[in-house]
């Protein structure tokens, strides 16, 4: 008869080799953990640096946009003032009461429903409540 079972010494050798491989893996893993922790912290630092750089760029771009908006608002105000000056010049160089009333009426068109307007009366006191 043919015997297929390994001898006890062969089994002991395989167990010893298996235990040695497991021991080597455990030692390598234990030795690699500090290096992995250092690498992981380095990656977290790089990510935080990239995030801070991105936030700085967003802040800079927002400041540039605010500056551009302020420049455009200033140009708009200058154009409005020039238009008002030309209108006053056309009126003869004086702000007449009629022209001031015209400007007030024109401004009323830009008011919304929620805006409150106080209109002076003959006694110089505003009307505080008015029904629509």
N, C-alpha and C. Protein backbone atom coordinates (compact mmCIF):
# COMPACT_ATOMS: atom_id res chain seq x y z
N UNK A 1 0.81 -1.18 0.00
CA UNK A 1 0.00 0.00 0.00
C UNK A 1 0.85 1.24 0.00
N UNK A 2 0.19 2.21 -0.61
CA UNK A 2 0.89 3.48 -0.75
C UNK A 2 0.43 4.41 0.36
N UNK A 3 1.34 5.03 1.12
CA UNK A 3 1.02 5.90 2.25
C UNK A 3 1.15 7.35 1.81
N UNK A 4 -0.01 8.12 1.78
CA UNK A 4 -0.01 9.52 1.35
C UNK A 4 0.15 10.50 2.51
N UNK A 5 0.08 10.11 3.70
CA UNK A 5 0.16 11.04 4.82
C UNK A 5 1.61 11.43 5.06
N UNK A 6 1.83 12.75 5.34
CA UNK A 6 3.21 13.20 5.56
C UNK A 6 3.71 12.72 6.91
N UNK A 7 4.99 12.68 6.99
CA UNK A 7 5.59 12.23 8.24
C UNK A 7 5.49 13.34 9.27
N UNK A 8 5.52 13.00 10.53
CA UNK A 8 5.43 14.02 11.58
C UNK A 8 6.55 15.03 11.51
N UNK A 9 7.71 14.67 11.08
CA UNK A 9 8.82 15.63 10.98
C UNK A 9 8.56 16.64 9.87
N UNK A 10 7.91 16.21 8.76
CA UNK A 10 7.58 17.13 7.66
C UNK A 10 6.52 18.12 8.13
N UNK A 11 5.55 17.67 8.86
CA UNK A 11 4.50 18.56 9.39
C UNK A 11 5.13 19.56 10.35
N UNK A 12 6.03 19.13 11.17
CA UNK A 12 6.70 20.02 12.12
C UNK A 12 7.51 21.07 11.37
N UNK A 13 8.16 20.68 10.25
CA UNK A 13 8.94 21.63 9.47
C UNK A 13 8.01 22.70 8.86
N UNK A 14 6.87 22.27 8.29
CA UNK A 14 5.94 23.22 7.69
C UNK A 14 5.36 24.17 8.75
N UNK A 15 5.08 23.66 9.92
CA UNK A 15 4.58 24.51 11.02
C UNK A 15 5.64 25.51 11.44
N UNK A 16 6.88 25.06 11.52
CA UNK A 16 7.97 25.96 11.91
C UNK A 16 8.15 27.04 10.85
N UNK A 17 8.09 26.67 9.56
CA UNK A 17 8.24 27.64 8.47
C UNK A 17 7.06 28.63 8.51
N UNK A 18 5.85 28.11 8.69
CA UNK A 18 4.66 28.97 8.78
C UNK A 18 4.75 29.94 9.94
N UNK A 19 5.19 29.45 11.10
CA UNK A 19 5.34 30.31 12.28
C UNK A 19 6.41 31.37 12.04
N UNK A 20 7.52 30.97 11.36
CA UNK A 20 8.59 31.93 11.07
C UNK A 20 8.08 33.01 10.12
N UNK A 21 7.29 32.64 9.11
CA UNK A 21 6.74 33.63 8.16
C UNK A 21 5.80 34.58 8.88
N UNK A 22 4.96 34.05 9.74
CA UNK A 22 4.04 34.90 10.50
C UNK A 22 4.82 35.83 11.42
N UNK A 23 5.88 35.30 12.06
CA UNK A 23 6.70 36.12 12.93
C UNK A 23 7.38 37.24 12.15
N UNK A 24 7.90 36.93 10.97
CA UNK A 24 8.55 37.95 10.12
C UNK A 24 7.53 39.01 9.71
N UNK A 25 6.32 38.58 9.33
CA UNK A 25 5.28 39.54 8.94
C UNK A 25 4.90 40.46 10.10
N UNK A 26 4.78 39.88 11.31
CA UNK A 26 4.44 40.69 12.48
C UNK A 26 5.55 41.70 12.77
N UNK A 27 6.80 41.28 12.66
CA UNK A 27 7.93 42.18 12.91
C UNK A 27 7.96 43.30 11.86
N UNK A 28 7.73 42.95 10.58
CA UNK A 28 7.72 43.96 9.53
C UNK A 28 6.56 44.94 9.72
N UNK A 29 5.41 44.41 10.10
CA UNK A 29 4.26 45.27 10.35
C UNK A 29 4.54 46.23 11.50
N UNK A 30 5.10 45.71 12.58
CA UNK A 30 5.42 46.54 13.75
C UNK A 30 6.47 47.59 13.40
N UNK A 31 7.43 47.21 12.57
CA UNK A 31 8.46 48.17 12.17
C UNK A 31 7.90 49.20 11.19
N UNK A 32 6.92 48.81 10.40
CA UNK A 32 6.35 49.72 9.40
C UNK A 32 5.34 50.69 9.97
N UNK A 33 4.74 50.42 11.10
CA UNK A 33 3.72 51.30 11.68
C UNK A 33 4.24 52.71 11.96
N UNK A 34 5.37 52.90 12.60
CA UNK A 34 5.84 54.26 12.82
C UNK A 34 6.09 55.01 11.50
N UNK A 35 6.64 54.31 10.53
CA UNK A 35 6.88 54.95 9.24
C UNK A 35 5.55 55.33 8.58
N UNK A 36 4.56 54.45 8.70
CA UNK A 36 3.24 54.75 8.13
C UNK A 36 2.62 55.95 8.84
N UNK A 37 2.75 56.01 10.16
CA UNK A 37 2.20 57.14 10.91
C UNK A 37 2.85 58.45 10.48
N UNK A 38 4.15 58.43 10.28
CA UNK A 38 4.85 59.64 9.81
C UNK A 38 4.35 60.02 8.43
N UNK A 39 4.23 59.07 7.55
CA UNK A 39 3.74 59.34 6.19
C UNK A 39 2.30 59.88 6.22
N UNK A 40 1.46 59.26 7.08
CA UNK A 40 0.07 59.69 7.18
C UNK A 40 0.00 61.14 7.70
N UNK A 41 0.80 61.49 8.67
CA UNK A 41 0.81 62.86 9.19
C UNK A 41 1.32 63.83 8.12
N UNK A 42 2.30 63.41 7.35
CA UNK A 42 2.81 64.25 6.28
C UNK A 42 1.71 64.51 5.24
N UNK A 43 0.95 63.49 4.90
CA UNK A 43 -0.14 63.65 3.92
C UNK A 43 -1.23 64.57 4.48
N UNK A 44 -1.55 64.44 5.77
CA UNK A 44 -2.54 65.32 6.40
C UNK A 44 -2.04 66.76 6.38
N UNK A 45 -0.76 66.96 6.64
CA UNK A 45 -0.18 68.31 6.60
C UNK A 45 -0.26 68.91 5.20
N UNK A 46 0.05 68.10 4.20
CA UNK A 46 -0.03 68.59 2.81
C UNK A 46 -1.47 68.94 2.45
N UNK A 47 -2.42 68.13 2.90
CA UNK A 47 -3.84 68.40 2.61
C UNK A 47 -4.28 69.70 3.30
N UNK A 48 -3.86 69.90 4.55
CA UNK A 48 -4.21 71.13 5.26
C UNK A 48 -3.58 72.35 4.59
N UNK A 49 -2.35 72.21 4.13
CA UNK A 49 -1.67 73.30 3.43
C UNK A 49 -2.40 73.64 2.12
N UNK A 50 -2.79 72.63 1.38
CA UNK A 50 -3.52 72.86 0.13
C UNK A 50 -4.86 73.53 0.41
N UNK A 51 -5.53 73.11 1.47
CA UNK A 51 -6.82 73.71 1.82
C UNK A 51 -6.65 75.18 2.22
N UNK A 52 -5.60 75.47 2.99
CA UNK A 52 -5.33 76.86 3.40
C UNK A 52 -4.99 77.72 2.18
N UNK A 53 -4.22 77.19 1.26
CA UNK A 53 -3.87 77.91 0.04
C UNK A 53 -5.12 78.20 -0.79
N UNK A 54 -6.00 77.21 -0.88
CA UNK A 54 -7.25 77.40 -1.62
C UNK A 54 -8.11 78.47 -0.96
N UNK A 55 -8.21 78.45 0.36
CA UNK A 55 -9.00 79.45 1.08
C UNK A 55 -8.40 80.85 0.88
N UNK A 56 -7.08 80.94 0.85
CA UNK A 56 -6.43 82.23 0.62
C UNK A 56 -6.74 82.73 -0.79
N UNK A 57 -6.70 81.85 -1.76
CA UNK A 57 -7.00 82.24 -3.14
C UNK A 57 -8.45 82.71 -3.27
N UNK A 58 -9.36 82.03 -2.57
CA UNK A 58 -10.76 82.45 -2.60
C UNK A 58 -10.90 83.84 -2.00
N UNK A 59 -10.22 84.10 -0.89
CA UNK A 59 -10.27 85.40 -0.24
C UNK A 59 -9.71 86.49 -1.16
N UNK A 60 -8.60 86.20 -1.82
CA UNK A 60 -8.00 87.17 -2.73
C UNK A 60 -8.94 87.46 -3.89
N UNK A 61 -9.54 86.42 -4.47
CA UNK A 61 -10.46 86.62 -5.59
C UNK A 61 -11.70 87.40 -5.15
N UNK A 62 -12.18 87.14 -3.93
CA UNK A 62 -13.32 87.89 -3.42
C UNK A 62 -12.96 89.37 -3.24
N UNK A 63 -11.77 89.63 -2.74
CA UNK A 63 -11.32 91.01 -2.58
C UNK A 63 -11.19 91.70 -3.94
N UNK A 64 -10.69 90.99 -4.93
CA UNK A 64 -10.60 91.56 -6.28
C UNK A 64 -11.98 91.88 -6.83
N UNK A 65 -12.93 90.97 -6.62
CA UNK A 65 -14.30 91.20 -7.09
C UNK A 65 -14.92 92.39 -6.38
N UNK A 66 -14.68 92.51 -5.06
CA UNK A 66 -15.20 93.65 -4.31
C UNK A 66 -14.60 94.96 -4.83
N UNK A 67 -13.31 94.95 -5.10
CA UNK A 67 -12.65 96.15 -5.63
C UNK A 67 -13.22 96.54 -6.99
N UNK A 68 -13.42 95.56 -7.85
CA UNK A 68 -14.00 95.83 -9.17
C UNK A 68 -15.41 96.38 -9.03
N UNK A 69 -16.20 95.83 -8.11
CA UNK A 69 -17.55 96.33 -7.89
C UNK A 69 -17.53 97.77 -7.39
N UNK A 70 -16.61 98.07 -6.49
CA UNK A 70 -16.50 99.44 -5.98
C UNK A 70 -16.09 100.41 -7.08
N UNK A 71 -15.19 99.98 -7.96
CA UNK A 71 -14.79 100.84 -9.08
C UNK A 71 -15.98 101.11 -10.00
N UNK A 72 -16.76 100.06 -10.29
CA UNK A 72 -17.93 100.23 -11.14
C UNK A 72 -18.98 101.11 -10.46
N UNK A 73 -19.17 100.95 -9.16
CA UNK A 73 -20.11 101.81 -8.43
C UNK A 73 -19.65 103.27 -8.47
N UNK A 74 -18.34 103.49 -8.34
CA UNK A 74 -17.82 104.86 -8.40
C UNK A 74 -18.04 105.45 -9.79
N UNK A 75 -17.80 104.67 -10.83
CA UNK A 75 -18.04 105.16 -12.19
C UNK A 75 -19.51 105.48 -12.39
N UNK A 76 -20.37 104.65 -11.86
CA UNK A 76 -21.81 104.88 -11.97
C UNK A 76 -22.21 106.17 -11.25
N UNK A 77 -21.66 106.39 -10.08
CA UNK A 77 -21.96 107.59 -9.31
C UNK A 77 -21.45 108.84 -10.03
N UNK A 78 -20.28 108.73 -10.64
CA UNK A 78 -19.73 109.86 -11.40
C UNK A 78 -20.63 110.17 -12.59
N UNK A 79 -21.07 109.14 -13.29
CA UNK A 79 -21.95 109.35 -14.44
C UNK A 79 -23.27 109.97 -14.00
N UNK A 80 -23.80 109.51 -12.87
CA UNK A 80 -25.04 110.08 -12.35
C UNK A 80 -24.86 111.54 -11.99
N UNK A 81 -23.74 111.87 -11.33
CA UNK A 81 -23.48 113.26 -10.95
C UNK A 81 -23.30 114.15 -12.18
N UNK A 82 -22.60 113.61 -13.19
CA UNK A 82 -22.43 114.39 -14.41
C UNK A 82 -23.78 114.63 -15.09
N UNK A 83 -24.64 113.62 -15.10
CA UNK A 83 -25.97 113.78 -15.67
C UNK A 83 -26.78 114.80 -14.90
N UNK A 84 -26.71 114.76 -13.57
CA UNK A 84 -27.43 115.74 -12.75
C UNK A 84 -26.90 117.14 -13.00
N UNK A 85 -25.58 117.27 -13.11
CA UNK A 85 -24.99 118.59 -13.37
C UNK A 85 -25.44 119.12 -14.72
N UNK A 86 -25.48 118.27 -15.73
CA UNK A 86 -25.95 118.70 -17.05
C UNK A 86 -27.42 119.09 -16.99
N UNK A 87 -28.22 118.32 -16.25
CA UNK A 87 -29.64 118.65 -16.12
C UNK A 87 -29.83 119.99 -15.43
N UNK A 88 -29.06 120.24 -14.39
CA UNK A 88 -29.16 121.52 -13.68
C UNK A 88 -28.72 122.66 -14.61
N UNK A 89 -27.69 122.42 -15.38
CA UNK A 89 -27.22 123.44 -16.33
C UNK A 89 -28.31 123.75 -17.36
N UNK A 90 -29.01 122.72 -17.82
CA UNK A 90 -30.11 122.92 -18.77
C UNK A 90 -31.22 123.74 -18.12
N UNK A 91 -31.45 123.52 -16.83
CA UNK A 91 -32.49 124.25 -16.10
C UNK A 91 -32.08 125.69 -15.82
N UNK A 92 -30.92 126.08 -16.23
CA UNK A 92 -30.49 127.46 -16.03
C UNK A 92 -29.47 127.60 -14.91
N UNK A 93 -28.93 126.53 -14.44
CA UNK A 93 -27.88 126.60 -13.42
C UNK A 93 -28.42 126.65 -12.01
N UNK A 94 -29.73 126.61 -11.83
CA UNK A 94 -30.32 126.67 -10.49
C UNK A 94 -31.17 125.44 -10.24
N UNK A 95 -31.22 125.04 -9.00
CA UNK A 95 -32.15 123.99 -8.60
C UNK A 95 -33.46 124.68 -8.24
N UNK A 96 -34.38 124.66 -9.16
CA UNK A 96 -35.67 125.28 -8.90
C UNK A 96 -36.56 124.33 -8.11
N UNK A 97 -37.57 124.89 -7.49
CA UNK A 97 -38.49 124.06 -6.72
C UNK A 97 -39.22 123.07 -7.62
N UNK A 98 -39.53 123.50 -8.83
CA UNK A 98 -40.21 122.62 -9.78
C UNK A 98 -39.32 121.44 -10.15
N UNK A 99 -38.03 121.70 -10.37
CA UNK A 99 -37.11 120.63 -10.73
C UNK A 99 -36.93 119.66 -9.57
N UNK A 100 -36.87 120.17 -8.36
CA UNK A 100 -36.73 119.31 -7.18
C UNK A 100 -37.97 118.43 -7.04
N UNK A 101 -39.16 118.97 -7.27
CA UNK A 101 -40.38 118.16 -7.23
C UNK A 101 -40.35 117.10 -8.31
N UNK A 102 -39.87 117.46 -9.50
CA UNK A 102 -39.76 116.48 -10.59
C UNK A 102 -38.84 115.32 -10.18
N UNK A 103 -37.70 115.64 -9.60
CA UNK A 103 -36.78 114.59 -9.16
C UNK A 103 -37.42 113.71 -8.09
N UNK A 104 -38.17 114.30 -7.18
CA UNK A 104 -38.82 113.55 -6.13
C UNK A 104 -39.86 112.60 -6.71
N UNK A 105 -40.66 113.08 -7.66
CA UNK A 105 -41.68 112.24 -8.28
C UNK A 105 -41.02 111.11 -9.06
N UNK A 106 -39.95 111.42 -9.78
CA UNK A 106 -39.24 110.39 -10.55
C UNK A 106 -38.68 109.31 -9.64
N UNK A 107 -38.20 109.70 -8.47
CA UNK A 107 -37.63 108.75 -7.52
C UNK A 107 -38.70 107.83 -6.95
N UNK A 108 -39.94 108.26 -6.91
CA UNK A 108 -41.02 107.44 -6.37
C UNK A 108 -41.24 106.18 -7.20
N UNK A 109 -40.90 106.20 -8.47
CA UNK A 109 -41.07 105.03 -9.33
C UNK A 109 -40.16 103.88 -8.94
N UNK A 110 -39.07 104.15 -8.25
CA UNK A 110 -38.13 103.09 -7.87
C UNK A 110 -38.45 102.47 -6.51
N UNK A 111 -39.50 102.96 -5.84
CA UNK A 111 -39.85 102.42 -4.53
C UNK A 111 -40.66 101.14 -4.69
N UNK A 112 -40.47 100.24 -3.76
CA UNK A 112 -41.26 99.00 -3.77
C UNK A 112 -42.50 99.20 -2.90
N UNK A 113 -43.35 98.19 -2.89
CA UNK A 113 -44.59 98.25 -2.11
C UNK A 113 -44.30 98.36 -0.62
N UNK A 114 -43.19 97.78 -0.16
CA UNK A 114 -42.89 97.75 1.27
C UNK A 114 -42.28 99.05 1.79
N UNK A 115 -41.81 99.92 0.89
CA UNK A 115 -41.17 101.16 1.32
C UNK A 115 -42.21 102.12 1.92
N UNK A 116 -41.83 102.80 2.97
CA UNK A 116 -42.68 103.81 3.57
C UNK A 116 -42.16 105.18 3.13
N UNK A 117 -43.07 106.01 2.75
CA UNK A 117 -42.72 107.36 2.31
C UNK A 117 -43.42 108.33 3.25
N UNK A 118 -42.67 109.25 3.82
CA UNK A 118 -43.23 110.28 4.69
C UNK A 118 -43.33 111.56 3.88
N UNK A 119 -44.56 112.05 3.74
CA UNK A 119 -44.81 113.24 2.94
C UNK A 119 -45.11 114.38 3.90
N UNK A 120 -44.36 115.47 3.82
CA UNK A 120 -44.64 116.60 4.72
C UNK A 120 -45.98 117.26 4.36
N UNK A 121 -46.67 117.67 5.36
CA UNK A 121 -47.95 118.36 5.15
C UNK A 121 -47.74 119.85 5.28
N UNK A 122 -48.84 120.59 5.24
CA UNK A 122 -48.75 122.05 5.33
C UNK A 122 -48.18 122.50 6.67
N UNK A 123 -48.39 121.71 7.71
CA UNK A 123 -47.89 122.08 9.02
C UNK A 123 -46.43 121.65 9.20
N UNK A 124 -45.86 120.95 8.20
CA UNK A 124 -44.47 120.51 8.28
C UNK A 124 -44.30 119.19 8.99
N UNK A 125 -45.40 118.56 9.37
CA UNK A 125 -45.34 117.27 10.04
C UNK A 125 -45.63 116.17 9.04
N UNK A 126 -44.93 115.02 9.14
CA UNK A 126 -45.19 113.93 8.20
C UNK A 126 -46.50 113.20 8.52
N UNK A 127 -47.11 112.64 7.51
CA UNK A 127 -48.25 111.76 7.70
C UNK A 127 -47.69 110.41 8.08
N UNK A 128 -47.99 109.94 9.29
CA UNK A 128 -47.33 108.72 9.77
C UNK A 128 -47.97 107.47 9.25
N UNK A 129 -49.26 107.43 9.08
CA UNK A 129 -49.93 106.24 8.59
C UNK A 129 -50.92 106.65 7.51
N UNK A 130 -50.90 105.92 6.43
CA UNK A 130 -51.85 106.20 5.36
C UNK A 130 -52.30 104.87 4.79
N UNK A 131 -53.57 104.75 4.56
CA UNK A 131 -54.10 103.52 3.96
C UNK A 131 -53.98 103.61 2.47
N UNK A 132 -53.81 102.44 1.83
CA UNK A 132 -53.68 102.44 0.38
C UNK A 132 -55.03 102.52 -0.27
